[in-house]
Each structure stands twice: as C-alpha cells, then as structure tokens.
PDB file of N, CA and C in Angstrom:
ATOM      1  N   UNK A   1      -5.548  65.111   4.193  1.00  0.00           N
ATOM      2  CA  UNK A   1      -4.631  65.869   3.392  1.00  0.00           C
ATOM      3  C   UNK A   1      -5.297  66.260   2.070  1.00  0.00           C
ATOM      4  N   UNK A   2      -5.193  67.523   1.707  1.00  0.00           N
ATOM      5  CA  UNK A   2      -5.868  68.042   0.525  1.00  0.00           C
ATOM      6  C   UNK A   2      -5.440  67.333  -0.753  1.00  0.00           C
ATOM      7  N   UNK A   3      -4.210  66.910  -0.830  1.00  0.00           N
ATOM      8  CA  UNK A   3      -3.722  66.234  -2.034  1.00  0.00           C
ATOM      9  C   UNK A   3      -4.466  64.927  -2.297  1.00  0.00           C
ATOM     10  N   UNK A   4      -5.125  64.386  -1.293  1.00  0.00           N
ATOM     11  CA  UNK A   4      -5.840  63.117  -1.438  1.00  0.00           C
ATOM     12  C   UNK A   4      -7.288  63.296  -1.883  1.00  0.00           C
ATOM     13  N   UNK A   5      -7.761  64.512  -1.974  1.00  0.00           N
ATOM     14  CA  UNK A   5      -9.149  64.770  -2.361  1.00  0.00           C
ATOM     15  C   UNK A   5      -9.225  64.843  -3.884  1.00  0.00           C
ATOM     16  N   UNK A   6     -10.044  63.982  -4.517  1.00  0.00           N
ATOM     17  CA  UNK A   6     -10.162  64.007  -5.972  1.00  0.00           C
ATOM     18  C   UNK A   6     -11.009  65.203  -6.437  1.00  0.00           C
ATOM     19  N   UNK A   7     -10.347  66.299  -6.770  1.00  0.00           N
ATOM     20  CA  UNK A   7     -11.043  67.538  -7.119  1.00  0.00           C
ATOM     21  C   UNK A   7     -11.875  67.395  -8.386  1.00  0.00           C
ATOM     22  N   UNK A   8     -11.556  66.416  -9.210  1.00  0.00           N
ATOM     23  CA  UNK A   8     -12.324  66.201 -10.429  1.00  0.00           C
ATOM     24  C   UNK A   8     -13.782  65.870 -10.122  1.00  0.00           C
ATOM     25  N   UNK A   9     -14.033  65.302  -8.969  1.00  0.00           N
ATOM     26  CA  UNK A   9     -15.419  64.969  -8.603  1.00  0.00           C
ATOM     27  C   UNK A   9     -16.268  66.223  -8.440  1.00  0.00           C
ATOM     28  N   UNK A  10     -15.692  67.256  -7.887  1.00  0.00           N
ATOM     29  CA  UNK A  10     -16.422  68.525  -7.758  1.00  0.00           C
ATOM     30  C   UNK A  10     -16.708  69.100  -9.142  1.00  0.00           C
ATOM     31  N   UNK A  11     -15.692  69.112  -9.993  1.00  0.00           N
ATOM     32  CA  UNK A  11     -15.837  69.624 -11.359  1.00  0.00           C
ATOM     33  C   UNK A  11     -16.915  68.846 -12.107  1.00  0.00           C
ATOM     34  N   UNK A  12     -16.853  67.530 -12.026  1.00  0.00           N
ATOM     35  CA  UNK A  12     -17.825  66.698 -12.732  1.00  0.00           C
ATOM     36  C   UNK A  12     -19.233  66.908 -12.197  1.00  0.00           C
ATOM     37  N   UNK A  13     -19.356  67.078 -10.888  1.00  0.00           N
ATOM     38  CA  UNK A  13     -20.673  67.323 -10.297  1.00  0.00           C
ATOM     39  C   UNK A  13     -21.278  68.642 -10.756  1.00  0.00           C
ATOM     40  N   UNK A  14     -20.472  69.687 -10.803  1.00  0.00           N
ATOM     41  CA  UNK A  14     -20.957  70.992 -11.271  1.00  0.00           C
ATOM     42  C   UNK A  14     -21.358  70.913 -12.732  1.00  0.00           C
ATOM     43  N   UNK A  15     -20.558  70.252 -13.539  1.00  0.00           N
ATOM     44  CA  UNK A  15     -20.897  70.097 -14.968  1.00  0.00           C
ATOM     45  C   UNK A  15     -22.202  69.334 -15.133  1.00  0.00           C
ATOM     46  N   UNK A  16     -22.381  68.291 -14.331  1.00  0.00           N
ATOM     47  CA  UNK A  16     -23.610  67.505 -14.414  1.00  0.00           C
ATOM     48  C   UNK A  16     -24.819  68.365 -14.034  1.00  0.00           C
ATOM     49  N   UNK A  17     -24.687  69.120 -12.947  1.00  0.00           N
ATOM     50  CA  UNK A  17     -25.796  69.985 -12.525  1.00  0.00           C
ATOM     51  C   UNK A  17     -26.116  71.040 -13.575  1.00  0.00           C
ATOM     52  N   UNK A  18     -25.098  71.661 -14.139  1.00  0.00           N
ATOM     53  CA  UNK A  18     -25.337  72.698 -15.157  1.00  0.00           C
ATOM     54  C   UNK A  18     -26.054  72.135 -16.378  1.00  0.00           C
ATOM     55  N   UNK A  19     -25.820  70.879 -16.712  1.00  0.00           N
ATOM     56  CA  UNK A  19     -26.444  70.262 -17.878  1.00  0.00           C
ATOM     57  C   UNK A  19     -27.853  69.754 -17.600  1.00  0.00           C
ATOM     58  N   UNK A  20     -28.233  69.660 -16.328  1.00  0.00           N
ATOM     59  CA  UNK A  20     -29.541  69.114 -15.960  1.00  0.00           C
ATOM     60  C   UNK A  20     -30.631  70.131 -16.303  1.00  0.00           C
ATOM     61  N   UNK A  21     -31.688  69.696 -16.988  1.00  0.00           N
ATOM     62  CA  UNK A  21     -32.736  70.636 -17.416  1.00  0.00           C
ATOM     63  C   UNK A  21     -33.512  71.297 -16.275  1.00  0.00           C
ATOM     64  N   UNK A  22     -33.526  70.689 -15.104  1.00  0.00           N
ATOM     65  CA  UNK A  22     -34.292  71.255 -13.981  1.00  0.00           C
ATOM     66  C   UNK A  22     -33.453  72.181 -13.111  1.00  0.00           C
ATOM     67  N   UNK A  23     -32.199  72.442 -13.505  1.00  0.00           N
ATOM     68  CA  UNK A  23     -31.294  73.254 -12.695  1.00  0.00           C
ATOM     69  C   UNK A  23     -30.924  74.527 -13.440  1.00  0.00           C
ATOM     70  N   UNK A  24     -31.008  75.656 -12.753  1.00  0.00           N
ATOM     71  CA  UNK A  24     -30.515  76.930 -13.300  1.00  0.00           C
ATOM     72  C   UNK A  24     -29.007  76.935 -13.069  1.00  0.00           C
ATOM     73  N   UNK A  25     -28.241  76.625 -14.110  1.00  0.00           N
ATOM     74  CA  UNK A  25     -26.798  76.466 -14.001  1.00  0.00           C
ATOM     75  C   UNK A  25     -26.049  77.676 -13.498  1.00  0.00           C
ATOM     76  N   UNK A  26     -26.648  78.839 -13.559  1.00  0.00           N
ATOM     77  CA  UNK A  26     -26.005  80.047 -13.076  1.00  0.00           C
ATOM     78  C   UNK A  26     -26.238  80.305 -11.593  1.00  0.00           C
ATOM     79  N   UNK A  27     -26.996  79.418 -10.948  1.00  0.00           N
ATOM     80  CA  UNK A  27     -27.341  79.641  -9.541  1.00  0.00           C
ATOM     81  C   UNK A  27     -27.021  78.429  -8.675  1.00  0.00           C
ATOM     82  N   UNK A  28     -25.910  77.798  -8.922  1.00  0.00           N
ATOM     83  CA  UNK A  28     -25.508  76.620  -8.155  1.00  0.00           C
ATOM     84  C   UNK A  28     -24.670  77.064  -6.954  1.00  0.00           C
ATOM     85  N   UNK A  29     -24.990  76.532  -5.803  1.00  0.00           N
ATOM     86  CA  UNK A  29     -24.230  76.821  -4.591  1.00  0.00           C
ATOM     87  C   UNK A  29     -23.895  75.499  -3.909  1.00  0.00           C
ATOM     88  N   UNK A  30     -22.915  75.528  -3.045  1.00  0.00           N
ATOM     89  CA  UNK A  30     -22.531  74.308  -2.339  1.00  0.00           C
ATOM     90  C   UNK A  30     -22.126  74.640  -0.909  1.00  0.00           C
ATOM     91  N   UNK A  31     -22.349  73.684  -0.026  1.00  0.00           N
ATOM     92  CA  UNK A  31     -21.965  73.798   1.372  1.00  0.00           C
ATOM     93  C   UNK A  31     -21.240  72.507   1.732  1.00  0.00           C
ATOM     94  N   UNK A  32     -20.152  72.627   2.449  1.00  0.00           N
ATOM     95  CA  UNK A  32     -19.398  71.438   2.843  1.00  0.00           C
ATOM     96  C   UNK A  32     -18.726  71.688   4.191  1.00  0.00           C
ATOM     97  N   UNK A  33     -18.355  70.595   4.853  1.00  0.00           N
ATOM     98  CA  UNK A  33     -17.619  70.684   6.112  1.00  0.00           C
ATOM     99  C   UNK A  33     -16.418  69.750   6.056  1.00  0.00           C
ATOM    100  N   UNK A  34     -15.443  70.025   6.863  1.00  0.00           N
ATOM    101  CA  UNK A  34     -14.242  69.213   7.005  1.00  0.00           C
ATOM    102  C   UNK A  34     -13.497  69.076   5.676  1.00  0.00           C
ATOM    103  N   UNK A  35     -13.118  67.863   5.298  1.00  0.00           N
ATOM    104  CA  UNK A  35     -12.351  67.653   4.063  1.00  0.00           C
ATOM    105  C   UNK A  35     -13.149  68.073   2.835  1.00  0.00           C
ATOM    106  N   UNK A  36     -14.461  67.919   2.873  1.00  0.00           N
ATOM    107  CA  UNK A  36     -15.292  68.356   1.756  1.00  0.00           C
ATOM    108  C   UNK A  36     -15.174  69.846   1.535  1.00  0.00           C
ATOM    109  N   UNK A  37     -15.084  70.610   2.608  1.00  0.00           N
ATOM    110  CA  UNK A  37     -14.932  72.057   2.484  1.00  0.00           C
ATOM    111  C   UNK A  37     -13.585  72.413   1.874  1.00  0.00           C
ATOM    112  N   UNK A  38     -12.542  71.701   2.278  1.00  0.00           N
ATOM    113  CA  UNK A  38     -11.228  71.954   1.696  1.00  0.00           C
ATOM    114  C   UNK A  38     -11.260  71.675   0.193  1.00  0.00           C
ATOM    115  N   UNK A  39     -11.870  70.576  -0.171  1.00  0.00           N
ATOM    116  CA  UNK A  39     -11.967  70.231  -1.582  1.00  0.00           C
ATOM    117  C   UNK A  39     -12.798  71.226  -2.354  1.00  0.00           C
ATOM    118  N   UNK A  40     -13.898  71.658  -1.769  1.00  0.00           N
ATOM    119  CA  UNK A  40     -14.771  72.619  -2.432  1.00  0.00           C
ATOM    120  C   UNK A  40     -14.059  73.945  -2.677  1.00  0.00           C
ATOM    121  N   UNK A  41     -13.261  74.374  -1.725  1.00  0.00           N
ATOM    122  CA  UNK A  41     -12.509  75.620  -1.893  1.00  0.00           C
ATOM    123  C   UNK A  41     -11.396  75.482  -2.926  1.00  0.00           C
ATOM    124  N   UNK A  42     -10.819  74.306  -3.038  1.00  0.00           N
ATOM    125  CA  UNK A  42      -9.717  74.085  -3.987  1.00  0.00           C
ATOM    126  C   UNK A  42     -10.214  73.716  -5.386  1.00  0.00           C
ATOM    127  N   UNK A  43     -11.423  73.236  -5.503  1.00  0.00           N
ATOM    128  CA  UNK A  43     -11.936  72.723  -6.772  1.00  0.00           C
ATOM    129  C   UNK A  43     -11.919  73.710  -7.938  1.00  0.00           C
ATOM    130  N   UNK A  44     -12.171  74.992  -7.747  1.00  0.00           N
ATOM    131  CA  UNK A  44     -12.151  75.899  -8.906  1.00  0.00           C
ATOM    132  C   UNK A  44     -10.815  75.905  -9.660  1.00  0.00           C
ATOM    133  N   UNK A  45      -9.758  75.437  -9.035  1.00  0.00           N
ATOM    134  CA  UNK A  45      -8.472  75.340  -9.750  1.00  0.00           C
ATOM    135  C   UNK A  45      -8.575  74.340 -10.903  1.00  0.00           C
ATOM    136  N   UNK A  46      -9.481  73.347 -10.798  1.00  0.00           N
ATOM    137  CA  UNK A  46      -9.622  72.367 -11.857  1.00  0.00           C
ATOM    138  C   UNK A  46     -10.545  72.879 -12.961  1.00  0.00           C
ATOM    139  N   UNK A  47     -11.279  73.924 -12.680  1.00  0.00           N
ATOM    140  CA  UNK A  47     -12.236  74.463 -13.663  1.00  0.00           C
ATOM    141  C   UNK A  47     -12.346  75.973 -13.452  1.00  0.00           C
ATOM    142  N   UNK A  48     -11.393  76.754 -13.966  1.00  0.00           N
ATOM    143  CA  UNK A  48     -11.372  78.199 -13.717  1.00  0.00           C
ATOM    144  C   UNK A  48     -12.625  78.950 -14.165  1.00  0.00           C
ATOM    145  N   UNK A  49     -13.430  78.376 -15.037  1.00  0.00           N
ATOM    146  CA  UNK A  49     -14.625  79.086 -15.501  1.00  0.00           C
ATOM    147  C   UNK A  49     -15.676  79.217 -14.407  1.00  0.00           C
ATOM    148  N   UNK A  50     -15.499  78.564 -13.267  1.00  0.00           N
ATOM    149  CA  UNK A  50     -16.471  78.696 -12.169  1.00  0.00           C
ATOM    150  C   UNK A  50     -16.457  80.074 -11.546  1.00  0.00           C
ATOM    151  N   UNK A  51     -15.349  80.764 -11.616  1.00  0.00           N
ATOM    152  CA  UNK A  51     -15.233  82.049 -10.925  1.00  0.00           C
ATOM    153  C   UNK A  51     -15.561  83.200 -11.834  1.00  0.00           C
TER     154      UNK A  51
END
C-alpha cells in the first residue's frame, strides 16, 4: 500500500546526492520496480522542486 512507503526517504536521498561533490545534481535519475516504483512516482509530492 502506497501510504506505507516513507516518501521522505526518496526526498532525503535526492538531497544527499545533490549535495555530494562527485554528483551533478541536475542529472540525477532513478529506476525502481514494484513498491519502490510507486514510491518514486509519488515522492515529488514531498519535494515539488524536483519537477
């Protein structure tokens, strides 16, 4: 169930990657399957600046 997926983890992961010196923060992509995919699609609601 989507309500059980902690969307903050996606937000925190993206923020961590963007802050990492070896990562081009404007070129982050993600791939997921099953519940991870549902969470990944819903995660931008927690951080609208991703879109």
